[in-house]
PDB file of all heavy atoms in Angstrom:
ATOM      1  N   GLY A   1     -33.015 -41.558-147.630  1.00  0.00           N
ATOM      2  CA  GLY A   1     -32.949 -40.271-148.293  1.00  0.00           C
ATOM      3  C   GLY A   1     -32.469 -39.159-147.371  1.00  0.00           C
ATOM      4  O   GLY A   1     -31.804 -38.205-147.800  1.00  0.00           O
ATOM      5  N   TYR A   2     -32.773 -39.288-146.091  1.00  0.00           N
ATOM      6  CA  TYR A   2     -32.338 -38.282-145.116  1.00  0.00           C
ATOM      7  C   TYR A   2     -30.854 -38.432-144.792  1.00  0.00           C
ATOM      8  O   TYR A   2     -30.128 -37.437-144.618  1.00  0.00           O
ATOM      9  CB  TYR A   2     -33.175 -38.420-143.849  1.00  0.00           C
ATOM     10  CG  TYR A   2     -32.825 -37.451-142.760  1.00  0.00           C
ATOM     11  CD1 TYR A   2     -33.240 -36.114-142.819  1.00  0.00           C
ATOM     12  CD2 TYR A   2     -32.050 -37.854-141.663  1.00  0.00           C
ATOM     13  CE1 TYR A   2     -32.911 -35.218-141.818  1.00  0.00           C
ATOM     14  CE2 TYR A   2     -31.723 -36.969-140.660  1.00  0.00           C
ATOM     15  CZ  TYR A   2     -32.154 -35.649-140.735  1.00  0.00           C
ATOM     16  OH  TYR A   2     -31.831 -34.765-139.746  1.00  0.00           O
ATOM     17  N   ALA A   3     -30.379 -39.698-144.714  1.00  0.00           N
ATOM     18  CA  ALA A   3     -28.988 -39.931-144.298  1.00  0.00           C
ATOM     19  C   ALA A   3     -28.002 -39.855-145.447  1.00  0.00           C
ATOM     20  O   ALA A   3     -26.803 -39.671-145.218  1.00  0.00           O
ATOM     21  CB  ALA A   3     -28.880 -41.309-143.624  1.00  0.00           C
ATOM     22  N   GLN A   4     -28.453 -39.984-146.679  1.00  0.00           N
ATOM     23  CA  GLN A   4     -27.522 -40.026-147.812  1.00  0.00           C
ATOM     24  C   GLN A   4     -26.647 -38.779-147.926  1.00  0.00           C
ATOM     25  O   GLN A   4     -25.417 -38.909-148.094  1.00  0.00           O
ATOM     26  CB  GLN A   4     -28.321 -40.229-149.112  1.00  0.00           C
ATOM     27  CG  GLN A   4     -27.457 -40.210-150.358  1.00  0.00           C
ATOM     28  CD  GLN A   4     -28.284 -40.350-151.619  1.00  0.00           C
ATOM     29  OE1 GLN A   4     -29.422 -40.787-151.562  1.00  0.00           O
ATOM     30  NE2 GLN A   4     -27.718 -39.947-152.736  1.00  0.00           N
ATOM     31  N   PRO A   5     -27.166 -37.573-147.816  1.00  0.00           N
ATOM     32  CA  PRO A   5     -26.277 -36.403-147.899  1.00  0.00           C
ATOM     33  C   PRO A   5     -25.225 -36.369-146.786  1.00  0.00           C
ATOM     34  O   PRO A   5     -24.088 -35.953-147.015  1.00  0.00           O
ATOM     35  CB  PRO A   5     -27.240 -35.217-147.790  1.00  0.00           C
ATOM     36  CG  PRO A   5     -28.569 -35.754-148.208  1.00  0.00           C
ATOM     37  CD  PRO A   5     -28.589 -37.154-147.725  1.00  0.00           C
ATOM     38  N   LEU A   6     -25.603 -36.852-145.593  1.00  0.00           N
ATOM     39  CA  LEU A   6     -24.647 -36.882-144.485  1.00  0.00           C
ATOM     40  C   LEU A   6     -23.514 -37.855-144.785  1.00  0.00           C
ATOM     41  O   LEU A   6     -22.330 -37.545-144.546  1.00  0.00           O
ATOM     42  CB  LEU A   6     -25.370 -37.277-143.191  1.00  0.00           C
ATOM     43  CG  LEU A   6     -26.499 -36.340-142.734  1.00  0.00           C
ATOM     44  CD1 LEU A   6     -27.156 -36.892-141.471  1.00  0.00           C
ATOM     45  CD2 LEU A   6     -25.952 -34.948-142.479  1.00  0.00           C
ATOM     46  N   VAL A   7     -23.879 -39.047-145.316  1.00  0.00           N
ATOM     47  CA  VAL A   7     -22.834 -40.041-145.629  1.00  0.00           C
ATOM     48  C   VAL A   7     -21.918 -39.524-146.742  1.00  0.00           C
ATOM     49  O   VAL A   7     -20.691 -39.653-146.683  1.00  0.00           O
ATOM     50  CB  VAL A   7     -23.494 -41.378-146.022  1.00  0.00           C
ATOM     51  CG1 VAL A   7     -22.441 -42.381-146.507  1.00  0.00           C
ATOM     52  CG2 VAL A   7     -24.273 -41.953-144.852  1.00  0.00           C
ATOM     53  N   ALA A   8     -22.529 -38.937-147.781  1.00  0.00           N
ATOM     54  CA  ALA A   8     -21.718 -38.430-148.893  1.00  0.00           C
ATOM     55  C   ALA A   8     -20.771 -37.323-148.428  1.00  0.00           C
ATOM     56  O   ALA A   8     -19.594 -37.263-148.835  1.00  0.00           O
ATOM     57  CB  ALA A   8     -22.647 -37.909-149.993  1.00  0.00           C
ATOM     58  N   ASP A   9     -21.259 -36.426-147.547  1.00  0.00           N
ATOM     59  CA  ASP A   9     -20.408 -35.363-147.023  1.00  0.00           C
ATOM     60  C   ASP A   9     -19.259 -35.938-146.196  1.00  0.00           C
ATOM     61  O   ASP A   9     -18.113 -35.465-146.284  1.00  0.00           O
ATOM     62  CB  ASP A   9     -21.246 -34.406-146.180  1.00  0.00           C
ATOM     63  CG  ASP A   9     -20.420 -33.232-145.676  1.00  0.00           C
ATOM     64  OD1 ASP A   9     -20.085 -32.350-146.495  1.00  0.00           O
ATOM     65  OD2 ASP A   9     -20.115 -33.207-144.461  1.00  0.00           O
ATOM     66  N   TYR A  10     -19.545 -36.984-145.408  1.00  0.00           N
ATOM     67  CA  TYR A  10     -18.482 -37.574-144.588  1.00  0.00           C
ATOM     68  C   TYR A  10     -17.457 -38.291-145.467  1.00  0.00           C
ATOM     69  O   TYR A  10     -16.254 -38.243-145.202  1.00  0.00           O
ATOM     70  CB  TYR A  10     -19.104 -38.561-143.595  1.00  0.00           C
ATOM     71  CG  TYR A  10     -18.150 -39.014-142.526  1.00  0.00           C
ATOM     72  CD1 TYR A  10     -17.717 -38.141-141.527  1.00  0.00           C
ATOM     73  CD2 TYR A  10     -17.640 -40.307-142.535  1.00  0.00           C
ATOM     74  CE1 TYR A  10     -16.830 -38.547-140.555  1.00  0.00           C
ATOM     75  CE2 TYR A  10     -16.752 -40.728-141.569  1.00  0.00           C
ATOM     76  CZ  TYR A  10     -16.352 -39.844-140.574  1.00  0.00           C
ATOM     77  OH  TYR A  10     -15.454 -40.256-139.622  1.00  0.00           O
ATOM     78  N   VAL A  11     -17.917 -38.940-146.546  1.00  0.00           N
ATOM     79  CA  VAL A  11     -16.972 -39.593-147.467  1.00  0.00           C
ATOM     80  C   VAL A  11     -16.077 -38.548-148.134  1.00  0.00           C
ATOM     81  O   VAL A  11     -14.871 -38.781-148.350  1.00  0.00           O
ATOM     82  CB  VAL A  11     -17.753 -40.439-148.497  1.00  0.00           C
ATOM     83  CG1 VAL A  11     -16.814 -40.929-149.607  1.00  0.00           C
ATOM     84  CG2 VAL A  11     -18.404 -41.632-147.820  1.00  0.00           C
ATOM     85  N   ASP A  12     -16.640 -37.399-148.459  1.00  0.00           N
ATOM     86  CA  ASP A  12     -15.812 -36.329-149.035  1.00  0.00           C
ATOM     87  C   ASP A  12     -14.713 -35.921-148.057  1.00  0.00           C
ATOM     88  O   ASP A  12     -13.559 -35.680-148.459  1.00  0.00           O
ATOM     89  CB  ASP A  12     -16.691 -35.124-149.367  1.00  0.00           C
ATOM     90  CG  ASP A  12     -17.593 -35.390-150.582  1.00  0.00           C
ATOM     91  OD1 ASP A  12     -17.247 -36.308-151.375  1.00  0.00           O
ATOM     92  OD2 ASP A  12     -18.629 -34.710-150.718  1.00  0.00           O
ATOM     93  N   LYS A  13     -15.045 -35.822-146.788  1.00  0.00           N
ATOM     94  CA  LYS A  13     -14.042 -35.463-145.784  1.00  0.00           C
ATOM     95  C   LYS A  13     -12.966 -36.528-145.665  1.00  0.00           C
ATOM     96  O   LYS A  13     -11.771 -36.224-145.534  1.00  0.00           O
ATOM     97  CB  LYS A  13     -14.706 -35.230-144.439  1.00  0.00           C
ATOM     98  CG  LYS A  13     -15.542 -33.952-144.371  1.00  0.00           C
ATOM     99  CD  LYS A  13     -16.128 -33.766-142.988  1.00  0.00           C
ATOM    100  CE  LYS A  13     -16.792 -32.397-142.863  1.00  0.00           C
ATOM    101  NZ  LYS A  13     -17.829 -32.161-143.848  1.00  0.00           N
ATOM    102  N   LEU A  14     -13.376 -37.840-145.731  1.00  0.00           N
ATOM    103  CA  LEU A  14     -12.372 -38.900-145.666  1.00  0.00           C
ATOM    104  C   LEU A  14     -11.475 -38.884-146.893  1.00  0.00           C
ATOM    105  O   LEU A  14     -10.254 -39.090-146.799  1.00  0.00           O
ATOM    106  CB  LEU A  14     -13.082 -40.266-145.560  1.00  0.00           C
ATOM    107  CG  LEU A  14     -13.852 -40.548-144.263  1.00  0.00           C
ATOM    108  CD1 LEU A  14     -14.503 -41.925-144.325  1.00  0.00           C
ATOM    109  CD2 LEU A  14     -12.912 -40.477-143.044  1.00  0.00           C
ATOM    110  N   ALA A  15     -12.070 -38.620-148.080  1.00  0.00           N
ATOM    111  CA  ALA A  15     -11.249 -38.534-149.299  1.00  0.00           C
ATOM    112  C   ALA A  15     -10.282 -37.370-149.227  1.00  0.00           C
ATOM    113  O   ALA A  15      -9.103 -37.464-149.649  1.00  0.00           O
ATOM    114  CB  ALA A  15     -12.168 -38.400-150.521  1.00  0.00           C
ATOM    115  N   ALA A  16     -10.723 -36.224-148.681  1.00  0.00           N
ATOM    116  CA  ALA A  16      -9.828 -35.070-148.524  1.00  0.00           C
ATOM    117  C   ALA A  16      -8.720 -35.365-147.554  1.00  0.00           C
ATOM    118  O   ALA A  16      -7.572 -34.906-147.715  1.00  0.00           O
ATOM    119  CB  ALA A  16     -10.644 -33.855-148.073  1.00  0.00           C
ATOM    120  N   GLU A  17      -9.028 -36.144-146.505  1.00  0.00           N
ATOM    121  CA  GLU A  17      -8.008 -36.493-145.505  1.00  0.00           C
ATOM    122  C   GLU A  17      -6.936 -37.392-146.114  1.00  0.00           C
ATOM    123  O   GLU A  17      -5.763 -37.282-145.774  1.00  0.00           O
ATOM    124  CB  GLU A  17      -8.685 -37.185-144.318  1.00  0.00           C
ATOM    125  CG  GLU A  17      -7.727 -37.499-143.171  1.00  0.00           C
ATOM    126  CD  GLU A  17      -8.428 -38.119-141.982  1.00  0.00           C
ATOM    127  OE1 GLU A  17      -9.688 -38.031-141.920  1.00  0.00           O
ATOM    128  OE2 GLU A  17      -7.743 -38.689-141.115  1.00  0.00           O
ATOM    129  N   ILE A  18      -7.341 -38.277-147.017  1.00  0.00           N
ATOM    130  CA  ILE A  18      -6.354 -39.152-147.677  1.00  0.00           C
ATOM    131  C   ILE A  18      -5.477 -38.336-148.622  1.00  0.00           C
ATOM    132  O   ILE A  18      -4.284 -38.576-148.769  1.00  0.00           O
ATOM    133  CB  ILE A  18      -7.071 -40.290-148.421  1.00  0.00           C
ATOM    134  CG1 ILE A  18      -7.748 -41.217-147.400  1.00  0.00           C
ATOM    135  CG2 ILE A  18      -6.120 -41.082-149.292  1.00  0.00           C
ATOM    136  CD1 ILE A  18      -8.580 -42.297-148.028  1.00  0.00           C
ATOM    137  N   GLY A  19      -6.050 -37.301-149.244  1.00  0.00           N
ATOM    138  CA  GLY A  19      -5.271 -36.384-150.081  1.00  0.00           C
ATOM    139  C   GLY A  19      -5.148 -36.814-151.523  1.00  0.00           C
ATOM    140  O   GLY A  19      -5.549 -37.904-151.918  1.00  0.00           O
ATOM    141  N   THR A  20      -4.528 -35.865-152.295  1.00  0.00           N
ATOM    142  CA  THR A  20      -4.261 -36.130-153.702  1.00  0.00           C
ATOM    143  C   THR A  20      -2.816 -35.742-153.998  1.00  0.00           C
ATOM    144  O   THR A  20      -2.447 -34.579-153.808  1.00  0.00           O
ATOM    145  CB  THR A  20      -5.200 -35.295-154.601  1.00  0.00           C
ATOM    146  OG1 THR A  20      -6.558 -35.566-154.237  1.00  0.00           O
ATOM    147  CG2 THR A  20      -5.000 -35.659-156.049  1.00  0.00           C
ATOM    148  N   PRO A  21      -1.994 -36.638-154.449  1.00  0.00           N
ATOM    149  CA  PRO A  21      -2.265 -38.064-154.644  1.00  0.00           C
ATOM    150  C   PRO A  21      -2.549 -38.738-153.314  1.00  0.00           C
ATOM    151  O   PRO A  21      -2.159 -38.225-152.261  1.00  0.00           O
ATOM    152  CB  PRO A  21      -0.989 -38.568-155.308  1.00  0.00           C
ATOM    153  CG  PRO A  21       0.064 -37.664-154.806  1.00  0.00           C
ATOM    154  CD  PRO A  21      -0.567 -36.296-154.688  1.00  0.00           C
ATOM    155  N   PRO A  22      -3.226 -39.854-153.315  1.00  0.00           N
ATOM    156  CA  PRO A  22      -3.619 -40.500-152.064  1.00  0.00           C
ATOM    157  C   PRO A  22      -2.404 -40.992-151.279  1.00  0.00           C
ATOM    158  O   PRO A  22      -1.417 -41.470-151.843  1.00  0.00           O
ATOM    159  CB  PRO A  22      -4.496 -41.643-152.532  1.00  0.00           C
ATOM    160  CG  PRO A  22      -4.116 -41.912-153.936  1.00  0.00           C
ATOM    161  CD  PRO A  22      -3.701 -40.603-154.505  1.00  0.00           C
ATOM    162  N   ASP A  23      -2.539 -40.864-149.954  1.00  0.00           N
ATOM    163  CA  ASP A  23      -1.491 -41.296-149.040  1.00  0.00           C
ATOM    164  C   ASP A  23      -1.960 -42.576-148.361  1.00  0.00           C
ATOM    165  O   ASP A  23      -2.938 -42.570-147.599  1.00  0.00           O
ATOM    166  CB  ASP A  23      -1.222 -40.209-148.014  1.00  0.00           C
ATOM    167  CG  ASP A  23       0.001 -40.516-147.154  1.00  0.00           C
ATOM    168  OD1 ASP A  23       0.380 -41.719-147.081  1.00  0.00           O
ATOM    169  OD2 ASP A  23       0.529 -39.589-146.523  1.00  0.00           O
ATOM    170  N   ALA A  24      -1.252 -43.688-148.596  1.00  0.00           N
ATOM    171  CA  ALA A  24      -1.638 -44.972-148.037  1.00  0.00           C
ATOM    172  C   ALA A  24      -1.563 -44.962-146.519  1.00  0.00           C
ATOM    173  O   ALA A  24      -2.366 -45.607-145.836  1.00  0.00           O
ATOM    174  CB  ALA A  24      -0.762 -46.082-148.618  1.00  0.00           C
ATOM    175  N   ALA A  25      -0.600 -44.199-145.969  1.00  0.00           N
ATOM    176  CA  ALA A  25      -0.476 -44.162-144.502  1.00  0.00           C
ATOM    177  C   ALA A  25      -1.708 -43.508-143.876  1.00  0.00           C
ATOM    178  O   ALA A  25      -2.221 -43.943-142.843  1.00  0.00           O
ATOM    179  CB  ALA A  25       0.794 -43.409-144.124  1.00  0.00           C
ATOM    180  N   ARG A  26      -2.177 -42.421-144.502  1.00  0.00           N
ATOM    181  CA  ARG A  26      -3.389 -41.774-143.976  1.00  0.00           C
ATOM    182  C   ARG A  26      -4.610 -42.712-144.095  1.00  0.00           C
ATOM    183  O   ARG A  26      -5.455 -42.745-143.202  1.00  0.00           O
ATOM    184  CB  ARG A  26      -3.656 -40.486-144.729  1.00  0.00           C
ATOM    185  CG  ARG A  26      -2.594 -39.420-144.475  1.00  0.00           C
ATOM    186  CD  ARG A  26      -2.921 -38.172-145.278  1.00  0.00           C
ATOM    187  NE  ARG A  26      -1.898 -37.135-145.091  1.00  0.00           N
ATOM    188  CZ  ARG A  26      -1.919 -35.947-145.691  1.00  0.00           C
ATOM    189  NH1 ARG A  26      -2.924 -35.669-146.541  1.00  0.00           N
ATOM    190  NH2 ARG A  26      -0.976 -35.065-145.457  1.00  0.00           N
ATOM    191  N   ALA A  27      -4.682 -43.444-145.233  1.00  0.00           N
ATOM    192  CA  ALA A  27      -5.782 -44.389-145.395  1.00  0.00           C
ATOM    193  C   ALA A  27      -5.747 -45.468-144.305  1.00  0.00           C
ATOM    194  O   ALA A  27      -6.775 -45.835-143.722  1.00  0.00           O
ATOM    195  CB  ALA A  27      -5.742 -45.034-146.781  1.00  0.00           C
ATOM    196  N   GLN A  28      -4.522 -45.931-143.969  1.00  0.00           N
ATOM    197  CA  GLN A  28      -4.385 -46.939-142.923  1.00  0.00           C
ATOM    198  C   GLN A  28      -4.787 -46.384-141.568  1.00  0.00           C
ATOM    199  O   GLN A  28      -5.400 -47.054-140.744  1.00  0.00           O
ATOM    200  CB  GLN A  28      -2.944 -47.461-142.886  1.00  0.00           C
ATOM    201  CG  GLN A  28      -2.736 -48.640-141.933  1.00  0.00           C
ATOM    202  CD  GLN A  28      -3.547 -49.856-142.333  1.00  0.00           C
ATOM    203  OE1 GLN A  28      -3.528 -50.246-143.494  1.00  0.00           O
ATOM    204  NE2 GLN A  28      -4.283 -50.428-141.386  1.00  0.00           N
ATOM    205  N   ALA A  29      -4.471 -45.108-141.334  1.00  0.00           N
ATOM    206  CA  ALA A  29      -4.843 -44.478-140.069  1.00  0.00           C
ATOM    207  C   ALA A  29      -6.360 -44.374-139.945  1.00  0.00           C
ATOM    208  O   ALA A  29      -6.933 -44.556-138.858  1.00  0.00           O
ATOM    209  CB  ALA A  29      -4.193 -43.099-139.971  1.00  0.00           C
ATOM    210  N   ILE A  30      -7.024 -44.063-141.053  1.00  0.00           N
ATOM    211  CA  ILE A  30      -8.502 -43.997-141.027  1.00  0.00           C
ATOM    212  C   ILE A  30      -9.088 -45.358-140.724  1.00  0.00           C
ATOM    213  O   ILE A  30     -10.017 -45.496-139.926  1.00  0.00           O
ATOM    214  CB  ILE A  30      -9.009 -43.456-142.371  1.00  0.00           C
ATOM    215  CG1 ILE A  30      -8.632 -41.983-142.536  1.00  0.00           C
ATOM    216  CG2 ILE A  30     -10.518 -43.636-142.488  1.00  0.00           C
ATOM    217  CD1 ILE A  30      -8.980 -41.409-143.889  1.00  0.00           C
ATOM    218  N   VAL A  31      -8.519 -46.411-141.349  1.00  0.00           N
ATOM    219  CA  VAL A  31      -9.010 -47.768-141.113  1.00  0.00           C
ATOM    220  C   VAL A  31      -8.825 -48.174-139.656  1.00  0.00           C
ATOM    221  O   VAL A  31      -9.677 -48.827-139.044  1.00  0.00           O
ATOM    222  CB  VAL A  31      -8.307 -48.755-142.055  1.00  0.00           C
ATOM    223  CG1 VAL A  31      -8.618 -50.197-141.684  1.00  0.00           C
ATOM    224  CG2 VAL A  31      -8.709 -48.494-143.499  1.00  0.00           C
ATOM    225  N   ALA A  32      -7.685 -47.759-139.060  1.00  0.00           N
ATOM    226  CA  ALA A  32      -7.432 -48.084-137.652  1.00  0.00           C
ATOM    227  C   ALA A  32      -8.380 -47.339-136.724  1.00  0.00           C
ATOM    228  O   ALA A  32      -8.702 -47.814-135.633  1.00  0.00           O
ATOM    229  CB  ALA A  32      -5.976 -47.773-137.314  1.00  0.00           C
ATOM    230  N   ARG A  33      -8.828 -46.151-137.145  1.00  0.00           N
ATOM    231  CA  ARG A  33      -9.678 -45.328-136.287  1.00  0.00           C
ATOM    232  C   ARG A  33     -11.163 -45.634-136.438  1.00  0.00           C
ATOM    233  O   ARG A  33     -11.926 -45.535-135.476  1.00  0.00           O
ATOM    234  CB  ARG A  33      -9.426 -43.847-136.637  1.00  0.00           C
ATOM    235  CG  ARG A  33     -10.125 -42.866-135.708  1.00  0.00           C
ATOM    236  CD  ARG A  33      -9.731 -41.433-136.014  1.00  0.00           C
ATOM    237  NE  ARG A  33     -10.437 -40.912-137.196  1.00  0.00           N
ATOM    238  CZ  ARG A  33      -9.867 -40.605-138.335  1.00  0.00           C
ATOM    239  NH1 ARG A  33      -8.559 -40.786-138.499  1.00  0.00           N
ATOM    240  NH2 ARG A  33     -10.570 -40.135-139.349  1.00  0.00           N
ATOM    241  N   LEU A  34     -11.583 -46.008-137.645  1.00  0.00           N
ATOM    242  CA  LEU A  34     -13.000 -46.179-137.940  1.00  0.00           C
ATOM    243  C   LEU A  34     -13.274 -47.597-138.473  1.00  0.00           C
ATOM    244  O   LEU A  34     -12.397 -48.216-139.089  1.00  0.00           O
ATOM    245  CB  LEU A  34     -13.453 -45.149-138.979  1.00  0.00           C
ATOM    246  CG  LEU A  34     -13.263 -43.677-138.619  1.00  0.00           C
ATOM    247  CD1 LEU A  34     -13.610 -42.811-139.820  1.00  0.00           C
ATOM    248  CD2 LEU A  34     -14.142 -43.314-137.430  1.00  0.00           C
ATOM    249  N   PRO A  35     -14.484 -48.106-138.303  1.00  0.00           N
ATOM    250  CA  PRO A  35     -14.835 -49.431-138.827  1.00  0.00           C
ATOM    251  C   PRO A  35     -15.184 -49.367-140.313  1.00  0.00           C
ATOM    252  O   PRO A  35     -16.330 -49.600-140.726  1.00  0.00           O
ATOM    253  CB  PRO A  35     -16.065 -49.825-137.981  1.00  0.00           C
ATOM    254  CG  PRO A  35     -16.709 -48.527-137.643  1.00  0.00           C
ATOM    255  CD  PRO A  35     -15.589 -47.547-137.479  1.00  0.00           C
TER     256      PRO A  35
END
C-alpha cells in the first residue's frame, strides 16, 4: 500500500516518455535502460 502510489507515478512517467502516439524507439530505449 505504501509503494503502490510510487509505482503508479513512475509508470505514468514512462508512459509520458513513450508519448502519444507511442514511439516504439523510445519504448526500446526504456527497455534497454531499465529491467
